[in-house]
PDB file of all heavy atoms in Angstrom:
ATOM      1  N   GLU A   1      11.909 114.659  74.175  1.00  0.00           N
ATOM      2  CA  GLU A   1      13.265 114.750  74.691  1.00  0.00           C
ATOM      3  C   GLU A   1      14.188 115.013  73.510  1.00  0.00           C
ATOM      4  O   GLU A   1      14.009 114.441  72.434  1.00  0.00           O
ATOM      5  CB  GLU A   1      13.670 113.460  75.407  1.00  0.00           C
ATOM      6  CG  GLU A   1      15.060 113.505  76.030  1.00  0.00           C
ATOM      7  CD  GLU A   1      15.387 112.213  76.768  1.00  0.00           C
ATOM      8  OE1 GLU A   1      15.340 111.137  76.123  1.00  0.00           O
ATOM      9  OE2 GLU A   1      15.671 112.277  77.974  1.00  0.00           O
ATOM     10  N   ILE A   2      15.186 115.887  73.708  1.00  0.00           N
ATOM     11  CA  ILE A   2      16.045 116.320  72.618  1.00  0.00           C
ATOM     12  C   ILE A   2      17.427 115.701  72.733  1.00  0.00           C
ATOM     13  O   ILE A   2      18.040 115.716  73.804  1.00  0.00           O
ATOM     14  CB  ILE A   2      16.163 117.864  72.615  1.00  0.00           C
ATOM     15  CG1 ILE A   2      14.852 118.494  72.139  1.00  0.00           C
ATOM     16  CG2 ILE A   2      17.310 118.319  71.712  1.00  0.00           C
ATOM     17  CD1 ILE A   2      14.871 120.013  72.153  1.00  0.00           C
ATOM     18  N   ASP A   3      17.913 115.160  71.607  1.00  0.00           N
ATOM     19  CA  ASP A   3      19.313 114.818  71.461  1.00  0.00           C
ATOM     20  C   ASP A   3      19.964 116.005  70.744  1.00  0.00           C
ATOM     21  O   ASP A   3      19.678 116.251  69.566  1.00  0.00           O
ATOM     22  CB  ASP A   3      19.494 113.550  70.627  1.00  0.00           C
ATOM     23  CG  ASP A   3      20.946 113.257  70.335  1.00  0.00           C
ATOM     24  OD1 ASP A   3      21.636 112.713  71.208  1.00  0.00           O
ATOM     25  OD2 ASP A   3      21.404 113.595  69.218  1.00  0.00           O
ATOM     26  N   PRO A   4      20.806 116.782  71.421  1.00  0.00           N
ATOM     27  CA  PRO A   4      21.247 118.078  70.886  1.00  0.00           C
ATOM     28  C   PRO A   4      21.897 118.017  69.506  1.00  0.00           C
ATOM     29  O   PRO A   4      21.560 118.821  68.632  1.00  0.00           O
ATOM     30  CB  PRO A   4      22.232 118.577  71.951  1.00  0.00           C
ATOM     31  CG  PRO A   4      21.802 117.906  73.211  1.00  0.00           C
ATOM     32  CD  PRO A   4      21.320 116.546  72.787  1.00  0.00           C
ATOM     33  N   ASP A   5      22.837 117.105  69.283  1.00  0.00           N
ATOM     34  CA  ASP A   5      23.553 117.072  68.004  1.00  0.00           C
ATOM     35  C   ASP A   5      22.629 116.753  66.838  1.00  0.00           C
ATOM     36  O   ASP A   5      22.650 117.409  65.792  1.00  0.00           O
ATOM     37  CB  ASP A   5      24.699 116.056  68.067  1.00  0.00           C
ATOM     38  CG  ASP A   5      25.827 116.511  68.980  1.00  0.00           C
ATOM     39  OD1 ASP A   5      25.920 117.721  69.249  1.00  0.00           O
ATOM     40  OD2 ASP A   5      26.593 115.647  69.433  1.00  0.00           O
ATOM     41  N   THR A   6      21.802 115.715  67.014  1.00  0.00           N
ATOM     42  CA  THR A   6      20.893 115.324  65.931  1.00  0.00           C
ATOM     43  C   THR A   6      19.829 116.388  65.707  1.00  0.00           C
ATOM     44  O   THR A   6      19.467 116.698  64.563  1.00  0.00           O
ATOM     45  CB  THR A   6      20.230 113.972  66.256  1.00  0.00           C
ATOM     46  OG1 THR A   6      21.239 113.001  66.515  1.00  0.00           O
ATOM     47  CG2 THR A   6      19.369 113.495  65.098  1.00  0.00           C
ATOM     48  N   PHE A   7      19.319 116.964  66.788  1.00  0.00           N
ATOM     49  CA  PHE A   7      18.290 117.997  66.674  1.00  0.00           C
ATOM     50  C   PHE A   7      18.838 119.223  65.942  1.00  0.00           C
ATOM     51  O   PHE A   7      18.149 119.820  65.112  1.00  0.00           O
ATOM     52  CB  PHE A   7      17.794 118.376  68.062  1.00  0.00           C
ATOM     53  CG  PHE A   7      16.632 119.330  68.078  1.00  0.00           C
ATOM     54  CD1 PHE A   7      15.410 118.969  67.539  1.00  0.00           C
ATOM     55  CD2 PHE A   7      16.754 120.597  68.645  1.00  0.00           C
ATOM     56  CE1 PHE A   7      14.331 119.851  67.549  1.00  0.00           C
ATOM     57  CE2 PHE A   7      15.691 121.470  68.670  1.00  0.00           C
ATOM     58  CZ  PHE A   7      14.478 121.104  68.121  1.00  0.00           C
ATOM     59  N   HIS A   8      20.079 119.582  66.211  1.00  0.00           N
ATOM     60  CA  HIS A   8      20.691 120.724  65.532  1.00  0.00           C
ATOM     61  C   HIS A   8      20.780 120.465  64.035  1.00  0.00           C
ATOM     62  O   HIS A   8      20.496 121.357  63.207  1.00  0.00           O
ATOM     63  CB  HIS A   8      22.084 120.985  66.114  1.00  0.00           C
ATOM     64  CG  HIS A   8      22.742 122.212  65.562  1.00  0.00           C
ATOM     65  ND1 HIS A   8      23.530 122.186  64.432  1.00  0.00           N
ATOM     66  CD2 HIS A   8      22.710 123.508  65.976  1.00  0.00           C
ATOM     67  CE1 HIS A   8      23.967 123.409  64.174  1.00  0.00           C
ATOM     68  NE2 HIS A   8      23.490 124.231  65.095  1.00  0.00           N
ATOM     69  N   ALA A   9      21.167 119.249  63.654  1.00  0.00           N
ATOM     70  CA  ALA A   9      21.240 118.907  62.231  1.00  0.00           C
ATOM     71  C   ALA A   9      19.851 118.921  61.589  1.00  0.00           C
ATOM     72  O   ALA A   9      19.679 119.404  60.465  1.00  0.00           O
ATOM     73  CB  ALA A   9      21.885 117.532  62.065  1.00  0.00           C
ATOM     74  N   ALA A  10      18.863 118.394  62.299  1.00  0.00           N
ATOM     75  CA  ALA A  10      17.494 118.381  61.778  1.00  0.00           C
ATOM     76  C   ALA A  10      16.969 119.803  61.585  1.00  0.00           C
ATOM     77  O   ALA A  10      16.286 120.100  60.593  1.00  0.00           O
ATOM     78  CB  ALA A  10      16.583 117.601  62.717  1.00  0.00           C
ATOM     79  N   LEU A  11      17.279 120.691  62.516  1.00  0.00           N
ATOM     80  CA  LEU A  11      16.860 122.086  62.392  1.00  0.00           C
ATOM     81  C   LEU A  11      17.473 122.736  61.160  1.00  0.00           C
ATOM     82  O   LEU A  11      16.814 123.518  60.460  1.00  0.00           O
ATOM     83  CB  LEU A  11      17.264 122.874  63.638  1.00  0.00           C
ATOM     84  CG  LEU A  11      16.398 122.710  64.883  1.00  0.00           C
ATOM     85  CD1 LEU A  11      17.011 123.488  66.046  1.00  0.00           C
ATOM     86  CD2 LEU A  11      14.977 123.183  64.627  1.00  0.00           C
ATOM     87  N   SER A  12      18.726 122.429  60.886  1.00  0.00           N
ATOM     88  CA  SER A  12      19.384 122.995  59.715  1.00  0.00           C
ATOM     89  C   SER A  12      18.654 122.584  58.434  1.00  0.00           C
ATOM     90  O   SER A  12      18.433 123.409  57.535  1.00  0.00           O
ATOM     91  CB  SER A  12      20.846 122.533  59.657  1.00  0.00           C
ATOM     92  OG  SER A  12      21.570 123.024  60.768  1.00  0.00           O
ATOM     93  N   LEU A  13      18.278 121.310  58.344  1.00  0.00           N
ATOM     94  CA  LEU A  13      17.518 120.841  57.190  1.00  0.00           C
ATOM     95  C   LEU A  13      16.167 121.542  57.097  1.00  0.00           C
ATOM     96  O   LEU A  13      15.751 121.997  56.017  1.00  0.00           O
ATOM     97  CB  LEU A  13      17.295 119.328  57.293  1.00  0.00           C
ATOM     98  CG  LEU A  13      18.388 118.403  56.788  1.00  0.00           C
ATOM     99  CD1 LEU A  13      18.005 116.954  57.061  1.00  0.00           C
ATOM    100  CD2 LEU A  13      18.652 118.615  55.305  1.00  0.00           C
ATOM    101  N   ALA A  14      15.458 121.605  58.208  1.00  0.00           N
ATOM    102  CA  ALA A  14      14.115 122.178  58.204  1.00  0.00           C
ATOM    103  C   ALA A  14      14.140 123.654  57.818  1.00  0.00           C
ATOM    104  O   ALA A  14      13.316 124.117  57.009  1.00  0.00           O
ATOM    105  CB  ALA A  14      13.477 122.004  59.576  1.00  0.00           C
ATOM    106  N   ARG A  15      15.077 124.395  58.373  1.00  0.00           N
ATOM    107  CA  ARG A  15      15.143 125.824  58.069  1.00  0.00           C
ATOM    108  C   ARG A  15      15.453 126.077  56.589  1.00  0.00           C
ATOM    109  O   ARG A  15      14.968 127.040  56.001  1.00  0.00           O
ATOM    110  CB  ARG A  15      16.204 126.482  58.948  1.00  0.00           C
ATOM    111  CG  ARG A  15      15.734 126.733  60.372  1.00  0.00           C
ATOM    112  CD  ARG A  15      16.872 127.164  61.247  1.00  0.00           C
ATOM    113  NE  ARG A  15      16.402 127.939  62.384  1.00  0.00           N
ATOM    114  CZ  ARG A  15      17.062 128.046  63.531  1.00  0.00           C
ATOM    115  NH1 ARG A  15      18.210 127.400  63.700  1.00  0.00           N
ATOM    116  NH2 ARG A  15      16.585 128.781  64.515  1.00  0.00           N
ATOM    117  N   THR A  16      16.237 125.207  56.004  1.00  0.00           N
ATOM    118  CA  THR A  16      16.593 125.372  54.595  1.00  0.00           C
ATOM    119  C   THR A  16      15.395 125.161  53.679  1.00  0.00           C
ATOM    120  O   THR A  16      15.266 125.831  52.646  1.00  0.00           O
ATOM    121  CB  THR A  16      17.710 124.379  54.214  1.00  0.00           C
ATOM    122  OG1 THR A  16      18.858 124.642  55.022  1.00  0.00           O
ATOM    123  CG2 THR A  16      18.079 124.498  52.745  1.00  0.00           C
ATOM    124  N   HIS A  17      14.487 124.255  54.064  1.00  0.00           N
ATOM    125  CA  HIS A  17      13.434 123.817  53.130  1.00  0.00           C
ATOM    126  C   HIS A  17      12.012 124.179  53.558  1.00  0.00           C
ATOM    127  O   HIS A  17      11.069 123.867  52.823  1.00  0.00           O
ATOM    128  CB  HIS A  17      13.523 122.298  52.950  1.00  0.00           C
ATOM    129  CG  HIS A  17      14.780 121.849  52.286  1.00  0.00           C
ATOM    130  ND1 HIS A  17      14.966 121.904  50.918  1.00  0.00           N
ATOM    131  CD2 HIS A  17      15.933 121.335  52.806  1.00  0.00           C
ATOM    132  CE1 HIS A  17      16.172 121.443  50.622  1.00  0.00           C
ATOM    133  NE2 HIS A  17      16.783 121.091  51.741  1.00  0.00           N
ATOM    134  N   ILE A  18      11.832 124.831  54.699  1.00  0.00           N
ATOM    135  CA  ILE A  18      10.467 125.024  55.206  1.00  0.00           C
ATOM    136  C   ILE A  18       9.642 125.931  54.294  1.00  0.00           C
ATOM    137  O   ILE A  18       8.437 125.709  54.113  1.00  0.00           O
ATOM    138  CB  ILE A  18      10.476 125.578  56.659  1.00  0.00           C
ATOM    139  CG1 ILE A  18       9.061 125.616  57.224  1.00  0.00           C
ATOM    140  CG2 ILE A  18      11.143 126.948  56.721  1.00  0.00           C
ATOM    141  CD1 ILE A  18       8.369 124.278  57.278  1.00  0.00           C
ATOM    142  N   GLU A  19      10.244 126.927  53.689  1.00  0.00           N
ATOM    143  CA  GLU A  19       9.462 127.831  52.839  1.00  0.00           C
ATOM    144  C   GLU A  19       8.880 127.091  51.642  1.00  0.00           C
ATOM    145  O   GLU A  19       7.757 127.360  51.209  1.00  0.00           O
ATOM    146  CB  GLU A  19      10.335 128.995  52.364  1.00  0.00           C
ATOM    147  CG  GLU A  19       9.559 130.031  51.563  1.00  0.00           C
ATOM    148  CD  GLU A  19      10.405 131.236  51.191  1.00  0.00           C
ATOM    149  OE1 GLU A  19      11.554 131.331  51.661  1.00  0.00           O
ATOM    150  OE2 GLU A  19       9.902 132.081  50.413  1.00  0.00           O
ATOM    151  N   THR A  20       9.629 126.137  51.108  1.00  0.00           N
ATOM    152  CA  THR A  20       9.162 125.370  49.952  1.00  0.00           C
ATOM    153  C   THR A  20       8.202 124.267  50.352  1.00  0.00           C
ATOM    154  O   THR A  20       7.159 124.064  49.711  1.00  0.00           O
ATOM    155  CB  THR A  20      10.355 124.740  49.205  1.00  0.00           C
ATOM    156  OG1 THR A  20      11.232 125.784  48.783  1.00  0.00           O
ATOM    157  CG2 THR A  20       9.880 123.941  48.006  1.00  0.00           C
ATOM    158  N   LEU A  21       8.525 123.552  51.414  1.00  0.00           N
ATOM    159  CA  LEU A  21       7.744 122.372  51.795  1.00  0.00           C
ATOM    160  C   LEU A  21       6.522 122.720  52.647  1.00  0.00           C
ATOM    161  O   LEU A  21       5.520 122.019  52.598  1.00  0.00           O
ATOM    162  CB  LEU A  21       8.629 121.379  52.549  1.00  0.00           C
ATOM    163  CG  LEU A  21       9.774 120.776  51.730  1.00  0.00           C
ATOM    164  CD1 LEU A  21      10.639 119.872  52.605  1.00  0.00           C
ATOM    165  CD2 LEU A  21       9.236 119.995  50.544  1.00  0.00           C
ATOM    166  N   GLY A  22       6.589 123.740  53.463  1.00  0.00           N
ATOM    167  CA  GLY A  22       5.431 124.192  54.227  1.00  0.00           C
ATOM    168  C   GLY A  22       5.254 123.526  55.570  1.00  0.00           C
ATOM    169  O   GLY A  22       4.988 124.197  56.564  1.00  0.00           O
ATOM    170  N   TYR A  23       5.376 122.200  55.615  1.00  0.00           N
ATOM    171  CA  TYR A  23       5.136 121.470  56.861  1.00  0.00           C
ATOM    172  C   TYR A  23       6.144 120.331  56.949  1.00  0.00           C
ATOM    173  O   TYR A  23       6.183 119.459  56.067  1.00  0.00           O
ATOM    174  CB  TYR A  23       3.716 120.910  56.895  1.00  0.00           C
ATOM    175  CG  TYR A  23       3.235 120.467  58.261  1.00  0.00           C
ATOM    176  CD1 TYR A  23       2.362 121.266  59.001  1.00  0.00           C
ATOM    177  CD2 TYR A  23       3.633 119.254  58.817  1.00  0.00           C
ATOM    178  CE1 TYR A  23       1.917 120.874  60.253  1.00  0.00           C
ATOM    179  CE2 TYR A  23       3.193 118.859  60.070  1.00  0.00           C
ATOM    180  CZ  TYR A  23       2.325 119.675  60.787  1.00  0.00           C
ATOM    181  OH  TYR A  23       1.896 119.282  62.032  1.00  0.00           O
ATOM    182  N   ILE A  24       6.972 120.346  57.985  1.00  0.00           N
ATOM    183  CA  ILE A  24       8.006 119.330  58.165  1.00  0.00           C
ATOM    184  C   ILE A  24       7.870 118.716  59.552  1.00  0.00           C
ATOM    185  O   ILE A  24       7.982 119.419  60.561  1.00  0.00           O
ATOM    186  CB  ILE A  24       9.421 119.920  57.988  1.00  0.00           C
ATOM    187  CG1 ILE A  24       9.575 120.537  56.593  1.00  0.00           C
ATOM    188  CG2 ILE A  24      10.474 118.839  58.221  1.00  0.00           C
ATOM    189  CD1 ILE A  24      10.906 121.252  56.382  1.00  0.00           C
ATOM    190  N   GLN A  25       7.611 117.422  59.600  1.00  0.00           N
ATOM    191  CA  GLN A  25       7.504 116.712  60.867  1.00  0.00           C
ATOM    192  C   GLN A  25       8.894 116.319  61.369  1.00  0.00           C
ATOM    193  O   GLN A  25       9.723 115.843  60.604  1.00  0.00           O
ATOM    194  CB  GLN A  25       6.660 115.446  60.692  1.00  0.00           C
ATOM    195  CG  GLN A  25       5.230 115.687  60.255  1.00  0.00           C
ATOM    196  CD  GLN A  25       4.504 114.393  59.967  1.00  0.00           C
ATOM    197  OE1 GLN A  25       5.084 113.445  59.450  1.00  0.00           O
ATOM    198  NE2 GLN A  25       3.219 114.356  60.293  1.00  0.00           N
ATOM    199  N   PHE A  26       9.115 116.523  62.651  1.00  0.00           N
ATOM    200  CA  PHE A  26      10.298 115.988  63.324  1.00  0.00           C
ATOM    201  C   PHE A  26       9.859 114.665  63.941  1.00  0.00           C
ATOM    202  O   PHE A  26       9.360 114.610  65.064  1.00  0.00           O
ATOM    203  CB  PHE A  26      10.795 116.963  64.399  1.00  0.00           C
ATOM    204  CG  PHE A  26      11.522 118.155  63.855  1.00  0.00           C
ATOM    205  CD1 PHE A  26      10.891 119.053  62.996  1.00  0.00           C
ATOM    206  CD2 PHE A  26      12.840 118.388  64.191  1.00  0.00           C
ATOM    207  CE1 PHE A  26      11.553 120.156  62.486  1.00  0.00           C
ATOM    208  CE2 PHE A  26      13.524 119.492  63.691  1.00  0.00           C
ATOM    209  CZ  PHE A  26      12.878 120.377  62.831  1.00  0.00           C
ATOM    210  N   GLN A  27      10.025 113.596  63.176  1.00  0.00           N
ATOM    211  CA  GLN A  27       9.406 112.326  63.538  1.00  0.00           C
ATOM    212  C   GLN A  27      10.229 111.544  64.555  1.00  0.00           C
ATOM    213  O   GLN A  27      11.457 111.626  64.602  1.00  0.00           O
ATOM    214  CB  GLN A  27       9.174 111.462  62.303  1.00  0.00           C
ATOM    215  CG  GLN A  27       7.825 111.667  61.658  1.00  0.00           C
ATOM    216  CD  GLN A  27       6.669 111.121  62.488  1.00  0.00           C
ATOM    217  OE1 GLN A  27       6.859 110.576  63.566  1.00  0.00           O
ATOM    218  NE2 GLN A  27       5.462 111.276  61.983  1.00  0.00           N
ATOM    219  N   THR A  28       9.510 110.779  65.373  1.00  0.00           N
ATOM    220  CA  THR A  28      10.153 109.865  66.320  1.00  0.00           C
ATOM    221  C   THR A  28      10.179 108.445  65.769  1.00  0.00           C
ATOM    222  O   THR A  28      10.782 107.567  66.388  1.00  0.00           O
ATOM    223  CB  THR A  28       9.409 109.875  67.667  1.00  0.00           C
ATOM    224  OG1 THR A  28       8.042 109.491  67.461  1.00  0.00           O
ATOM    225  CG2 THR A  28       9.436 111.271  68.287  1.00  0.00           C
ATOM    226  N   ASN A  29       9.516 108.220  64.627  1.00  0.00           N
ATOM    227  CA  ASN A  29       9.496 106.912  63.979  1.00  0.00           C
ATOM    228  C   ASN A  29       9.995 107.041  62.545  1.00  0.00           C
ATOM    229  O   ASN A  29       9.769 108.062  61.885  1.00  0.00           O
ATOM    230  CB  ASN A  29       8.081 106.322  63.959  1.00  0.00           C
ATOM    231  CG  ASN A  29       7.547 106.075  65.355  1.00  0.00           C
ATOM    232  OD1 ASN A  29       8.260 105.576  66.222  1.00  0.00           O
ATOM    233  ND2 ASN A  29       6.298 106.437  65.589  1.00  0.00           N
ATOM    234  N   ALA A  30      10.670 106.011  62.061  1.00  0.00           N
ATOM    235  CA  ALA A  30      11.175 106.021  60.691  1.00  0.00           C
ATOM    236  C   ALA A  30      10.012 106.001  59.703  1.00  0.00           C
ATOM    237  O   ALA A  30       8.934 105.470  60.000  1.00  0.00           O
ATOM    238  CB  ALA A  30      12.077 104.805  60.460  1.00  0.00           C
ATOM    239  N   PRO A  31      10.189 106.590  58.502  1.00  0.00           N
ATOM    240  CA  PRO A  31       9.119 106.577  57.501  1.00  0.00           C
ATOM    241  C   PRO A  31       8.810 105.164  57.035  1.00  0.00           C
ATOM    242  O   PRO A  31       9.696 104.314  56.957  1.00  0.00           O
ATOM    243  CB  PRO A  31       9.690 107.434  56.365  1.00  0.00           C
ATOM    244  CG  PRO A  31      11.171 107.370  56.537  1.00  0.00           C
ATOM    245  CD  PRO A  31      11.409 107.261  58.010  1.00  0.00           C
TER     246      PRO A  31
END
């Protein structure tokens, strides 16, 4: 299930760093 505002912010982070990091989990639990 998506929370639109938070998901949009998470996508911005992922798109910025995916080429360098390779694999980014959108986690449902805190690290």
